[in-house]
Amino acid sequence: MLGDVRGRLRARGARAVPVTLGAGAGILLLQLLQHGRGTSGWVERLGGVYAGLPWWQALLRTPLSVFLPDPWLPVWGLLLQVVVVFGIAEATVGPRRTLGVALLATLAGTGFARYSLWAGPHWPLGLPAHDLLVRDTGPSAAVVALGVYVALRYRAWWTVGAIVSAMVVEVVSLPNLAGYEHLAGVTLVLTLFGRAPGHALRGPAPPGH
């Protein structure tokens, strides 16, 4: 995998990872805007996703919400995750699949949040309402899902097992919305990979794709 990443970057330079560069720049810009006095409201209305929102609003806001960081967490750690994981994914499976997996994983997390709010704390995987009525944004579910997706493509089974185990330990030791959404993204990727016909999702990506 690292050989493929190095080869792609040497051959195309920054053009090999346009989604990663755009995502990094977008995260920085949104971080600045959401702390701006006159722009924070616009960022919230365009990218703020909540479990209680109507579906159509959540869907419209999802593309921006993927790159909207939590305003109270350090943005540099998030940037490092995105640059490394998105960069590896984009250099190995291409920008379209990288963006597609990221969006689908985020939607899976959003769908889980709505189920959990509906189910409540007395049903399986349900959470108390006060744990769900928070802004549900950021690329963490996408990062975890992309890590699993690339590991599956390269048949790095130990890496897949380590990521899945870490997500399970997270939700067992401290049940929380973010942990469940990470697990939802991983489950989506495993399901897509298992049901993909032929080599649609399997095997190394062809050069230039």
Protein backbone atom coordinates (compact mmCIF):
# COMPACT_ATOMS: atom_id res chain seq x y z
CA MET A 1 0.00 0.00 0.00
CA LEU A 2 2.73 2.48 0.94
CA GLY A 3 4.51 1.69 -2.31
CA ASP A 4 1.35 2.54 -4.26
CA VAL A 5 0.93 5.79 -2.32
CA ARG A 6 4.54 6.85 -2.93
CA GLY A 7 4.32 5.94 -6.61
CA ARG A 8 1.11 7.91 -7.12
CA LEU A 9 2.45 10.98 -5.32
CA ARG A 10 5.73 10.90 -7.25
CA ALA A 11 3.90 10.57 -10.55
CA ARG A 12 1.23 13.22 -10.01
CA GLY A 13 2.24 15.26 -6.99
CA ALA A 14 -0.56 17.26 -5.39
CA ARG A 15 -2.86 16.37 -8.31
CA ALA A 16 -3.03 12.82 -6.90
CA VAL A 17 -4.94 13.96 -3.80
CA PRO A 18 -7.29 16.85 -4.70
CA VAL A 19 -10.06 15.67 -2.36
CA THR A 20 -7.63 15.45 0.56
CA LEU A 21 -6.25 18.93 -0.08
CA GLY A 22 -9.76 20.33 -0.50
CA ALA A 23 -10.94 18.61 2.68
CA GLY A 24 -8.03 20.00 4.69
CA ALA A 25 -8.57 23.51 3.39
CA GLY A 26 -12.32 23.22 3.95
CA ILE A 27 -11.87 22.12 7.57
CA LEU A 28 -9.59 25.07 8.30
CA LEU A 29 -11.93 27.53 6.59
CA LEU A 30 -15.02 26.20 8.37
CA GLN A 31 -13.20 26.28 11.70
CA LEU A 32 -12.45 29.96 11.18
CA LEU A 33 -15.96 30.77 9.94
CA GLN A 34 -17.77 29.01 12.76
CA HIS A 35 -15.84 31.12 15.27
CA GLY A 36 -16.46 34.34 13.34
CA ARG A 37 -18.94 36.80 14.78
CA GLY A 38 -20.89 37.31 11.57
CA THR A 39 -20.44 33.90 9.95
CA SER A 40 -21.07 31.31 12.68
CA GLY A 41 -24.82 31.34 12.09
CA TRP A 42 -24.42 30.67 8.37
CA VAL A 43 -22.08 27.75 9.03
CA GLU A 44 -24.60 26.30 11.47
CA ARG A 45 -27.50 26.63 9.02
CA LEU A 46 -25.56 25.17 6.08
CA GLY A 47 -23.68 22.33 7.79
CA GLY A 48 -25.10 21.75 11.27
CA VAL A 49 -26.74 18.31 11.42
CA TYR A 50 -28.85 17.20 14.38
CA ALA A 51 -30.76 13.98 15.02
CA GLY A 52 -33.99 15.94 15.34
CA LEU A 53 -33.73 17.65 11.95
CA PRO A 54 -36.12 16.68 9.14
CA TRP A 55 -34.48 14.15 6.81
CA TRP A 56 -34.39 16.51 3.84
CA GLN A 57 -32.51 19.15 5.83
CA ALA A 58 -30.02 16.59 7.14
CA LEU A 59 -29.36 15.31 3.62
CA LEU A 60 -28.81 18.81 2.25
CA ARG A 61 -26.38 19.62 5.05
CA THR A 62 -24.48 16.32 4.99
CA PRO A 63 -21.83 17.18 2.34
CA LEU A 64 -20.68 20.22 4.32
CA SER A 65 -21.13 18.53 7.69
CA VAL A 66 -18.47 15.94 6.83
CA PHE A 67 -15.83 18.67 7.00
CA LEU A 68 -17.32 20.80 9.77
CA PRO A 69 -15.21 20.20 12.91
CA ASP A 70 -16.42 20.27 16.47
CA PRO A 71 -15.84 23.88 17.55
CA TRP A 72 -14.57 22.83 20.98
CA LEU A 73 -12.00 20.22 19.93
CA PRO A 74 -8.46 20.88 18.62
CA VAL A 75 -8.64 21.14 14.86
CA TRP A 76 -5.04 20.03 14.27
CA GLY A 77 -5.64 16.44 15.35
CA LEU A 78 -8.61 16.27 13.04
CA LEU A 79 -6.59 17.69 10.17
CA LEU A 80 -3.86 15.11 10.71
CA GLN A 81 -6.40 12.27 10.57
CA VAL A 82 -7.95 13.60 7.37
CA VAL A 83 -4.65 14.27 5.60
CA VAL A 84 -3.25 10.83 6.42
CA VAL A 85 -6.32 8.62 5.95
CA PHE A 86 -8.01 10.55 3.12
CA GLY A 87 -4.61 10.90 1.42
CA ILE A 88 -3.86 7.18 1.55
CA ALA A 89 -7.37 6.32 0.39
CA GLU A 90 -7.32 8.81 -2.48
CA ALA A 91 -3.90 7.70 -3.67
CA THR A 92 -4.91 4.03 -3.65
CA VAL A 93 -8.61 3.87 -4.57
CA GLY A 94 -9.11 7.23 -6.25
CA PRO A 95 -10.99 10.45 -5.41
CA ARG A 96 -14.48 9.29 -6.40
CA ARG A 97 -14.50 6.22 -4.18
CA THR A 98 -12.83 8.12 -1.35
CA LEU A 99 -15.51 10.79 -1.40
CA GLY A 100 -18.27 8.23 -1.92
CA VAL A 101 -17.25 6.08 1.06
CA ALA A 102 -16.84 9.19 3.22
CA LEU A 103 -20.34 10.45 2.40
CA LEU A 104 -21.99 7.05 2.78
CA ALA A 105 -20.30 6.47 6.14
CA THR A 106 -21.48 9.87 7.35
CA LEU A 107 -25.03 9.13 6.21
CA ALA A 108 -24.89 5.78 8.01
CA GLY A 109 -23.95 7.60 11.20
CA THR A 110 -26.75 10.13 10.71
CA GLY A 111 -29.22 7.30 10.19
CA PHE A 112 -28.05 5.58 13.36
CA ALA A 113 -28.46 8.79 15.38
CA ARG A 114 -32.09 9.02 14.25
CA TYR A 115 -32.75 5.38 15.15
CA SER A 116 -31.13 5.85 18.56
CA LEU A 117 -33.21 8.94 19.27
CA TRP A 118 -36.37 7.06 18.27
CA ALA A 119 -35.45 3.92 20.23
CA GLY A 120 -34.42 5.63 23.45
CA PRO A 121 -32.14 4.23 26.15
CA HIS A 122 -34.29 1.14 26.86
CA TRP A 123 -33.89 -0.43 23.41
CA PRO A 124 -30.73 -2.00 21.89
CA LEU A 125 -28.24 0.66 20.75
CA GLY A 126 -30.50 3.43 21.98
CA LEU A 127 -29.10 6.43 23.82
CA PRO A 128 -30.63 9.05 26.12
CA ALA A 129 -32.02 12.08 24.32
CA HIS A 130 -29.50 14.45 25.93
CA ASP A 131 -26.69 12.44 24.30
CA LEU A 132 -28.28 12.89 20.86
CA LEU A 133 -29.43 16.51 20.83
CA VAL A 134 -25.95 17.74 19.96
CA ARG A 135 -24.44 18.83 16.66
CA ASP A 136 -23.48 15.74 14.72
CA THR A 137 -20.72 16.84 12.35
CA GLY A 138 -17.11 16.07 11.49
CA PRO A 139 -15.18 13.51 9.42
CA SER A 140 -14.40 10.96 12.15
CA ALA A 141 -16.89 8.33 10.89
CA ALA A 142 -15.61 8.86 7.35
CA VAL A 143 -11.98 8.48 8.50
CA VAL A 144 -12.70 5.18 10.28
CA ALA A 145 -14.71 3.81 7.35
CA LEU A 146 -12.03 4.77 4.83
CA GLY A 147 -9.37 3.09 6.96
CA VAL A 148 -11.34 -0.15 6.92
CA TYR A 149 -12.15 0.18 3.21
CA VAL A 150 -8.51 0.58 2.15
CA ALA A 151 -7.41 -2.23 4.48
CA LEU A 152 -10.03 -4.52 2.91
CA ARG A 153 -8.89 -3.59 -0.60
CA TYR A 154 -5.34 -4.62 0.29
CA ARG A 155 -6.50 -7.66 2.29
CA ALA A 156 -4.83 -6.31 5.43
CA TRP A 157 -6.98 -8.46 7.67
CA TRP A 158 -5.09 -7.70 10.89
CA THR A 159 -5.57 -3.99 10.30
CA VAL A 160 -9.28 -4.49 9.66
CA GLY A 161 -9.56 -6.55 12.84
CA ALA A 162 -7.67 -3.96 14.88
CA ILE A 163 -9.88 -1.08 13.71
CA VAL A 164 -13.13 -2.99 14.23
CA SER A 165 -11.99 -4.21 17.67
CA ALA A 166 -11.07 -0.66 18.70
CA MET A 167 -14.52 0.61 17.68
CA VAL A 168 -16.26 -2.19 19.61
CA VAL A 169 -14.16 -1.54 22.72
CA GLU A 170 -15.00 2.16 22.46
CA VAL A 171 -18.78 1.66 22.48
CA VAL A 172 -18.67 -1.08 25.13
CA SER A 173 -16.49 0.87 27.54
CA LEU A 174 -18.15 4.26 26.98
CA PRO A 175 -21.39 4.18 24.97
CA ASN A 176 -21.67 7.44 23.06
CA LEU A 177 -23.03 8.77 19.78
CA ALA A 178 -19.64 9.21 18.10
CA GLY A 179 -18.58 5.64 18.89
CA TYR A 180 -21.82 4.16 17.58
CA GLU A 181 -21.54 6.24 14.42
CA HIS A 182 -18.00 5.00 13.85
CA LEU A 183 -19.31 1.46 14.16
CA ALA A 184 -22.17 2.25 11.76
CA GLY A 185 -19.68 3.48 9.15
CA VAL A 186 -17.53 0.37 9.57
CA THR A 187 -20.59 -1.89 9.30
CA LEU A 188 -21.62 -0.16 6.09
CA VAL A 189 -18.20 -0.71 4.51
CA LEU A 190 -18.07 -4.36 5.56
CA THR A 191 -21.55 -4.90 4.12
CA LEU A 192 -20.73 -3.21 0.82
CA PHE A 193 -17.48 -5.13 0.51
CA GLY A 194 -19.14 -8.45 1.28
CA ARG A 195 -21.97 -7.90 -1.22
CA ALA A 196 -19.91 -6.38 -4.05
CA PRO A 197 -20.15 -8.44 -7.26
CA GLY A 198 -16.86 -9.76 -8.61
CA HIS A 199 -14.11 -7.21 -8.06
CA ALA A 200 -16.22 -4.04 -7.93
CA LEU A 201 -14.87 -3.22 -4.50
CA ARG A 202 -12.10 -5.77 -4.21
CA GLY A 203 -8.47 -5.76 -5.27
CA PRO A 204 -6.11 -2.83 -5.92
CA ALA A 205 -7.58 0.08 -7.80
CA PRO A 206 -6.48 0.41 -11.44
CA PRO A 207 -3.96 3.20 -12.11
CA GLY A 208 -5.64 6.57 -12.56
CA HIS A 209 -8.93 5.52 -10.90
